[in-house]
All heavy atoms as atom14 arrays in JSON, in Angstrom:
{
  "sequence": "VVEAYLSSTLKNPAPRLYVVGRLVDEYLTMIARD",
  "atom14_mask": [
    [1, 1, 1, 1, 1, 1, 1, 0, 0, 0, 0, 0, 0, 0],
    [1, 1, 1, 1, 1, 1, 1, 0, 0, 0, 0, 0, 0, 0],
    [1, 1, 1, 1, 1, 1, 1, 1, 1, 0, 0, 0, 0, 0],
    [1, 1, 1, 1, 1, 0, 0, 0, 0, 0, 0, 0, 0, 0],
    [1, 1, 1, 1, 1, 1, 1, 1, 1, 1, 1, 1, 0, 0],
    [1, 1, 1, 1, 1, 1, 1, 1, 0, 0, 0, 0, 0, 0],
    [1, 1, 1, 1, 1, 1, 0, 0, 0, 0, 0, 0, 0, 0],
    [1, 1, 1, 1, 1, 1, 0, 0, 0, 0, 0, 0, 0, 0],
    [1, 1, 1, 1, 1, 1, 1, 0, 0, 0, 0, 0, 0, 0],
    [1, 1, 1, 1, 1, 1, 1, 1, 0, 0, 0, 0, 0, 0],
    [1, 1, 1, 1, 1, 1, 1, 1, 1, 0, 0, 0, 0, 0],
    [1, 1, 1, 1, 1, 1, 1, 1, 0, 0, 0, 0, 0, 0],
    [1, 1, 1, 1, 1, 1, 1, 0, 0, 0, 0, 0, 0, 0],
    [1, 1, 1, 1, 1, 0, 0, 0, 0, 0, 0, 0, 0, 0],
    [1, 1, 1, 1, 1, 1, 1, 0, 0, 0, 0, 0, 0, 0],
    [1, 1, 1, 1, 1, 1, 1, 1, 1, 1, 1, 0, 0, 0],
    [1, 1, 1, 1, 1, 1, 1, 1, 0, 0, 0, 0, 0, 0],
    [1, 1, 1, 1, 1, 1, 1, 1, 1, 1, 1, 1, 0, 0],
    [1, 1, 1, 1, 1, 1, 1, 0, 0, 0, 0, 0, 0, 0],
    [1, 1, 1, 1, 1, 1, 1, 0, 0, 0, 0, 0, 0, 0],
    [1, 1, 1, 1, 0, 0, 0, 0, 0, 0, 0, 0, 0, 0],
    [1, 1, 1, 1, 1, 1, 1, 1, 1, 1, 1, 0, 0, 0],
    [1, 1, 1, 1, 1, 1, 1, 1, 0, 0, 0, 0, 0, 0],
    [1, 1, 1, 1, 1, 1, 1, 0, 0, 0, 0, 0, 0, 0],
    [1, 1, 1, 1, 1, 1, 1, 1, 0, 0, 0, 0, 0, 0],
    [1, 1, 1, 1, 1, 1, 1, 1, 1, 0, 0, 0, 0, 0],
    [1, 1, 1, 1, 1, 1, 1, 1, 1, 1, 1, 1, 0, 0],
    [1, 1, 1, 1, 1, 1, 1, 1, 0, 0, 0, 0, 0, 0],
    [1, 1, 1, 1, 1, 1, 1, 0, 0, 0, 0, 0, 0, 0],
    [1, 1, 1, 1, 1, 1, 1, 1, 0, 0, 0, 0, 0, 0],
    [1, 1, 1, 1, 1, 1, 1, 1, 0, 0, 0, 0, 0, 0],
    [1, 1, 1, 1, 1, 0, 0, 0, 0, 0, 0, 0, 0, 0],
    [1, 1, 1, 1, 1, 1, 1, 1, 1, 1, 1, 0, 0, 0],
    [1, 1, 1, 1, 1, 1, 1, 1, 0, 0, 0, 0, 0, 0]
  ],
  "atom14_positions": [
    [[0.83, -1.2, 0.0], [0.0, 0.0, 0.0], [0.87, 1.26, 0.0], [0.55, 2.25, -0.67], [-0.94, -0.02, 1.23], [-1.67, 1.3, 1.36], [-1.94, -1.16, 1.11], [0.0, 0.0, 0.0], [0.0, 0.0, 0.0], [0.0, 0.0, 0.0], [0.0, 0.0, 0.0], [0.0, 0.0, 0.0], [0.0, 0.0, 0.0], [0.0, 0.0, 0.0]],
    [[1.97, 1.24, 0.75], [2.87, 2.4, 0.78], [3.47, 2.64, -0.61], [3.61, 3.78, -1.06], [3.98, 2.19, 1.83], [5.01, 3.32, 1.76], [3.38, 2.14, 3.23], [0.0, 0.0, 0.0], [0.0, 0.0, 0.0], [0.0, 0.0, 0.0], [0.0, 0.0, 0.0], [0.0, 0.0, 0.0], [0.0, 0.0, 0.0], [0.0, 0.0, 0.0]],
    [[3.82, 1.58, -1.29], [4.33, 1.71, -2.66], [3.27, 2.31, -3.59], [3.59, 3.12, -4.47], [4.79, 0.35, -3.18], [6.06, -0.17, -2.51], [6.41, -1.58, -2.94], [5.6, -2.18, -3.68], [7.46, -2.08, -2.52], [0.0, 0.0, 0.0], [0.0, 0.0, 0.0], [0.0, 0.0, 0.0], [0.0, 0.0, 0.0], [0.0, 0.0, 0.0]],
    [[2.03, 1.91, -3.38], [0.94, 2.48, -4.18], [0.78, 3.96, -3.88], [0.5, 4.77, -4.78], [-0.37, 1.74, -3.88], [0.0, 0.0, 0.0], [0.0, 0.0, 0.0], [0.0, 0.0, 0.0], [0.0, 0.0, 0.0], [0.0, 0.0, 0.0], [0.0, 0.0, 0.0], [0.0, 0.0, 0.0], [0.0, 0.0, 0.0], [0.0, 0.0, 0.0]],
    [[0.99, 4.33, -2.62], [0.92, 5.75, -2.24], [2.02, 6.54, -2.95], [1.77, 7.62, -3.5], [1.06, 5.88, -0.73], [1.19, 7.31, -0.25], [0.07, 8.1, -0.07], [2.44, 7.87, -0.02], [0.18, 9.42, 0.34], [2.57, 9.18, 0.4], [1.44, 9.95, 0.57], [1.55, 11.26, 0.98], [0.0, 0.0, 0.0], [0.0, 0.0, 0.0]],
    [[3.23, 6.01, -2.95], [4.34, 6.71, -3.58], [4.13, 6.87, -5.08], [4.44, 7.9, -5.66], [5.65, 5.96, -3.31], [6.14, 5.95, -1.86], [7.36, 5.07, -1.72], [6.45, 7.37, -1.39], [0.0, 0.0, 0.0], [0.0, 0.0, 0.0], [0.0, 0.0, 0.0], [0.0, 0.0, 0.0], [0.0, 0.0, 0.0], [0.0, 0.0, 0.0]],
    [[3.59, 5.84, -5.71], [3.38, 5.9, -7.15], [2.3, 6.89, -7.55], [2.31, 7.42, -8.66], [3.02, 4.51, -7.69], [1.77, 4.08, -7.15], [0.0, 0.0, 0.0], [0.0, 0.0, 0.0], [0.0, 0.0, 0.0], [0.0, 0.0, 0.0], [0.0, 0.0, 0.0], [0.0, 0.0, 0.0], [0.0, 0.0, 0.0], [0.0, 0.0, 0.0]],
    [[1.36, 7.16, -6.65], [0.25, 8.06, -6.96], [0.46, 9.46, -6.42], [-0.33, 10.36, -6.71], [-1.06, 7.49, -6.42], [-1.0, 7.39, -5.01], [0.0, 0.0, 0.0], [0.0, 0.0, 0.0], [0.0, 0.0, 0.0], [0.0, 0.0, 0.0], [0.0, 0.0, 0.0], [0.0, 0.0, 0.0], [0.0, 0.0, 0.0], [0.0, 0.0, 0.0]],
    [[1.5, 9.68, -5.62], [1.7, 10.99, -4.98], [3.13, 11.5, -5.2], [3.72, 12.08, -4.3], [1.41, 10.9, -3.47], [2.25, 9.89, -2.9], [-0.03, 10.57, -3.2], [0.0, 0.0, 0.0], [0.0, 0.0, 0.0], [0.0, 0.0, 0.0], [0.0, 0.0, 0.0], [0.0, 0.0, 0.0], [0.0, 0.0, 0.0], [0.0, 0.0, 0.0]],
    [[3.67, 11.25, -6.37], [5.05, 11.66, -6.63], [5.19, 13.18, -6.61], [6.26, 13.7, -6.28], [5.49, 11.12, -7.99], [5.67, 9.6, -8.08], [6.03, 9.19, -9.5], [6.74, 9.13, -7.1], [0.0, 0.0, 0.0], [0.0, 0.0, 0.0], [0.0, 0.0, 0.0], [0.0, 0.0, 0.0], [0.0, 0.0, 0.0], [0.0, 0.0, 0.0]],
    [[4.13, 13.9, -6.96], [4.21, 15.35, -7.02], [3.72, 16.02, -5.74], [3.59, 17.23, -5.7], [3.39, 15.86, -8.21], [3.94, 15.37, -9.57], [3.11, 15.93, -10.7], [3.64, 15.44, -12.05], [2.85, 15.98, -13.18], [0.0, 0.0, 0.0], [0.0, 0.0, 0.0], [0.0, 0.0, 0.0], [0.0, 0.0, 0.0], [0.0, 0.0, 0.0]],
    [[3.44, 15.23, -4.72], [2.95, 15.8, -3.48], [4.06, 16.55, -2.75], [5.22, 16.15, -2.8], [2.39, 14.7, -2.57], [1.0, 14.28, -3.0], [0.41, 14.9, -3.87], [0.5, 13.23, -2.42], [0.0, 0.0, 0.0], [0.0, 0.0, 0.0], [0.0, 0.0, 0.0], [0.0, 0.0, 0.0], [0.0, 0.0, 0.0], [0.0, 0.0, 0.0]],
    [[3.73, 17.59, -2.03], [4.75, 18.33, -1.28], [5.33, 17.49, -0.15], [4.71, 16.54, 0.33], [3.98, 19.54, -0.74], [2.54, 19.12, -0.74], [2.39, 18.18, -1.89], [0.0, 0.0, 0.0], [0.0, 0.0, 0.0], [0.0, 0.0, 0.0], [0.0, 0.0, 0.0], [0.0, 0.0, 0.0], [0.0, 0.0, 0.0], [0.0, 0.0, 0.0]],
    [[6.53, 17.89, 0.28], [7.23, 17.13, 1.32], [6.45, 16.96, 2.62], [6.49, 15.89, 3.22], [8.59, 17.79, 1.6], [0.0, 0.0, 0.0], [0.0, 0.0, 0.0], [0.0, 0.0, 0.0], [0.0, 0.0, 0.0], [0.0, 0.0, 0.0], [0.0, 0.0, 0.0], [0.0, 0.0, 0.0], [0.0, 0.0, 0.0], [0.0, 0.0, 0.0]],
    [[5.72, 17.98, 3.09], [4.98, 17.8, 4.36], [4.04, 16.61, 4.34], [3.84, 15.94, 5.36], [4.22, 19.13, 4.5], [5.07, 20.12, 3.79], [5.64, 19.38, 2.62], [0.0, 0.0, 0.0], [0.0, 0.0, 0.0], [0.0, 0.0, 0.0], [0.0, 0.0, 0.0], [0.0, 0.0, 0.0], [0.0, 0.0, 0.0], [0.0, 0.0, 0.0]],
    [[3.44, 16.32, 3.18], [2.53, 15.17, 3.11], [3.32, 13.86, 3.19], [2.87, 12.89, 3.79], [1.73, 15.23, 1.81], [0.79, 16.43, 1.75], [0.0, 16.46, 0.46], [-0.87, 15.3, 0.33], [-1.66, 15.1, -0.72], [-1.66, 15.97, -1.72], [-2.41, 14.01, -0.78], [0.0, 0.0, 0.0], [0.0, 0.0, 0.0], [0.0, 0.0, 0.0]],
    [[4.5, 13.83, 2.58], [5.35, 12.65, 2.7], [5.81, 12.45, 4.13], [5.93, 11.32, 4.61], [6.57, 12.8, 1.79], [6.43, 12.26, 0.35], [7.71, 12.53, -0.42], [6.11, 10.78, 0.34], [0.0, 0.0, 0.0], [0.0, 0.0, 0.0], [0.0, 0.0, 0.0], [0.0, 0.0, 0.0], [0.0, 0.0, 0.0], [0.0, 0.0, 0.0]],
    [[6.07, 13.56, 4.83], [6.5, 13.46, 6.23], [5.43, 12.8, 7.09], [5.74, 12.03, 8.02], [6.81, 14.85, 6.79], [8.02, 15.52, 6.18], [8.19, 16.9, 6.22], [9.02, 14.76, 5.56], [9.3, 17.51, 5.67], [10.14, 15.36, 5.0], [10.27, 16.74, 5.06], [11.37, 17.33, 4.51], [0.0, 0.0, 0.0], [0.0, 0.0, 0.0]],
    [[4.16, 13.07, 6.77], [3.06, 12.46, 7.54], [3.08, 10.95, 7.38], [2.97, 10.2, 8.36], [1.71, 13.04, 7.08], [0.56, 12.27, 7.72], [1.61, 14.51, 7.43], [0.0, 0.0, 0.0], [0.0, 0.0, 0.0], [0.0, 0.0, 0.0], [0.0, 0.0, 0.0], [0.0, 0.0, 0.0], [0.0, 0.0, 0.0], [0.0, 0.0, 0.0]],
    [[3.25, 10.49, 6.15], [3.28, 9.05, 5.91], [4.57, 8.44, 6.45], [4.56, 7.31, 6.96], [3.13, 8.76, 4.4], [3.23, 7.26, 4.11], [1.8, 9.3, 3.89], [0.0, 0.0, 0.0], [0.0, 0.0, 0.0], [0.0, 0.0, 0.0], [0.0, 0.0, 0.0], [0.0, 0.0, 0.0], [0.0, 0.0, 0.0], [0.0, 0.0, 0.0]],
    [[5.68, 9.18, 6.39], [6.93, 8.7, 6.96], [6.81, 8.47, 8.47], [7.27, 7.45, 8.99], [0.0, 0.0, 0.0], [0.0, 0.0, 0.0], [0.0, 0.0, 0.0], [0.0, 0.0, 0.0], [0.0, 0.0, 0.0], [0.0, 0.0, 0.0], [0.0, 0.0, 0.0], [0.0, 0.0, 0.0], [0.0, 0.0, 0.0], [0.0, 0.0, 0.0]],
    [[6.16, 9.41, 9.15], [5.95, 9.25, 10.6], [5.02, 8.07, 10.88], [5.22, 7.31, 11.83], [5.37, 10.54, 11.17], [5.19, 10.52, 12.67], [4.89, 11.89, 13.23], [3.69, 12.48, 12.65], [3.69, 13.49, 11.82], [4.83, 14.05, 11.45], [2.55, 13.97, 11.34], [0.0, 0.0, 0.0], [0.0, 0.0, 0.0], [0.0, 0.0, 0.0]],
    [[4.0, 7.89, 10.01], [3.08, 6.76, 10.17], [3.81, 5.43, 10.04], [3.6, 4.51, 10.85], [1.97, 6.87, 9.11], [1.01, 5.7, 9.01], [0.09, 5.66, 10.23], [0.16, 5.79, 7.73], [0.0, 0.0, 0.0], [0.0, 0.0, 0.0], [0.0, 0.0, 0.0], [0.0, 0.0, 0.0], [0.0, 0.0, 0.0], [0.0, 0.0, 0.0]],
    [[4.67, 5.3, 9.03], [5.41, 4.06, 8.82], [6.35, 3.78, 9.99], [6.47, 2.63, 10.44], [6.19, 4.14, 7.49], [7.15, 2.96, 7.37], [5.24, 4.16, 6.32], [0.0, 0.0, 0.0], [0.0, 0.0, 0.0], [0.0, 0.0, 0.0], [0.0, 0.0, 0.0], [0.0, 0.0, 0.0], [0.0, 0.0, 0.0], [0.0, 0.0, 0.0]],
    [[7.02, 4.81, 10.51], [7.93, 4.62, 11.64], [7.18, 4.19, 12.9], [7.65, 3.36, 13.68], [8.72, 5.9, 11.91], [9.71, 6.21, 10.79], [9.97, 5.3, 9.99], [10.21, 7.34, 10.73], [0.0, 0.0, 0.0], [0.0, 0.0, 0.0], [0.0, 0.0, 0.0], [0.0, 0.0, 0.0], [0.0, 0.0, 0.0], [0.0, 0.0, 0.0]],
    [[5.99, 4.75, 13.11], [5.17, 4.34, 14.26], [4.7, 2.89, 14.08], [4.62, 2.14, 15.06], [3.98, 5.28, 14.4], [4.36, 6.68, 14.88], [3.18, 7.63, 14.87], [2.1, 7.21, 14.4], [3.33, 8.77, 15.33], [0.0, 0.0, 0.0], [0.0, 0.0, 0.0], [0.0, 0.0, 0.0], [0.0, 0.0, 0.0], [0.0, 0.0, 0.0]],
    [[4.38, 2.53, 12.86], [4.0, 1.14, 12.58], [5.17, 0.2, 12.86], [4.99, -0.88, 13.46], [3.55, 1.03, 11.13], [3.28, -0.39, 10.66], [2.16, -1.08, 11.06], [4.17, -1.03, 9.8], [1.91, -2.38, 10.63], [3.94, -2.32, 9.36], [2.8, -2.99, 9.78], [2.58, -4.27, 9.35], [0.0, 0.0, 0.0], [0.0, 0.0, 0.0]],
    [[6.37, 0.58, 12.46], [7.56, -0.24, 12.75], [7.76, -0.4, 14.24], [8.16, -1.48, 14.71], [8.8, 0.41, 12.12], [9.02, 0.18, 10.63], [10.13, 1.07, 10.11], [9.34, -1.28, 10.35], [0.0, 0.0, 0.0], [0.0, 0.0, 0.0], [0.0, 0.0, 0.0], [0.0, 0.0, 0.0], [0.0, 0.0, 0.0], [0.0, 0.0, 0.0]],
    [[7.5, 0.65, 14.99], [7.65, 0.58, 16.45], [6.66, -0.43, 17.04], [6.99, -1.16, 17.98], [7.4, 1.97, 17.06], [8.32, 2.91, 16.49], [7.62, 1.93, 18.57], [0.0, 0.0, 0.0], [0.0, 0.0, 0.0], [0.0, 0.0, 0.0], [0.0, 0.0, 0.0], [0.0, 0.0, 0.0], [0.0, 0.0, 0.0], [0.0, 0.0, 0.0]],
    [[5.46, -0.49, 16.48], [4.44, -1.39, 17.02], [4.72, -2.85, 16.7], [4.36, -3.74, 17.48], [3.06, -1.0, 16.47], [2.61, 0.39, 16.85], [0.95, 0.8, 16.28], [-0.03, -0.14, 17.43], [0.0, 0.0, 0.0], [0.0, 0.0, 0.0], [0.0, 0.0, 0.0], [0.0, 0.0, 0.0], [0.0, 0.0, 0.0], [0.0, 0.0, 0.0]],
    [[5.38, -3.12, 15.57], [5.62, -4.52, 15.18], [7.02, -4.99, 15.53], [7.34, -6.17, 15.35], [5.37, -4.72, 13.67], [6.41, -3.95, 12.84], [3.96, -4.32, 13.29], [6.33, -4.23, 11.36], [0.0, 0.0, 0.0], [0.0, 0.0, 0.0], [0.0, 0.0, 0.0], [0.0, 0.0, 0.0], [0.0, 0.0, 0.0], [0.0, 0.0, 0.0]],
    [[7.89, -4.1, 16.03], [9.31, -4.44, 16.23], [9.51, -5.55, 17.26], [10.48, -6.31, 17.17], [10.08, -3.19, 16.67], [0.0, 0.0, 0.0], [0.0, 0.0, 0.0], [0.0, 0.0, 0.0], [0.0, 0.0, 0.0], [0.0, 0.0, 0.0], [0.0, 0.0, 0.0], [0.0, 0.0, 0.0], [0.0, 0.0, 0.0], [0.0, 0.0, 0.0]],
    [[8.6, -5.67, 18.21], [8.77, -6.67, 19.28], [8.37, -8.08, 18.85], [8.54, -9.03, 19.62], [7.94, -6.26, 20.5], [8.44, -5.01, 21.2], [7.7, -4.81, 22.51], [8.18, -3.65, 23.24], [7.65, -2.43, 23.14], [6.63, -2.23, 22.3], [8.13, -1.43, 23.83], [0.0, 0.0, 0.0], [0.0, 0.0, 0.0], [0.0, 0.0, 0.0]],
    [[7.84, -8.23, 17.65], [7.42, -9.55, 17.17], [8.66, -10.42, 16.93], [9.5, -10.11, 16.08], [6.63, -9.39, 15.88], [6.13, -10.72, 15.33], [6.26, -11.74, 16.02], [5.62, -10.72, 14.19], [0.0, 0.0, 0.0], [0.0, 0.0, 0.0], [0.0, 0.0, 0.0], [0.0, 0.0, 0.0], [0.0, 0.0, 0.0], [0.0, 0.0, 0.0]]
  ]
}
């Protein structure tokens, strides 16, 4: 899904990418203990 986001939002401004970047890092934090 993240790859689909990147392919459809290549022209999006950096602040929007930062939001998804923070989301992915928080997701990594939640699954890291597995």
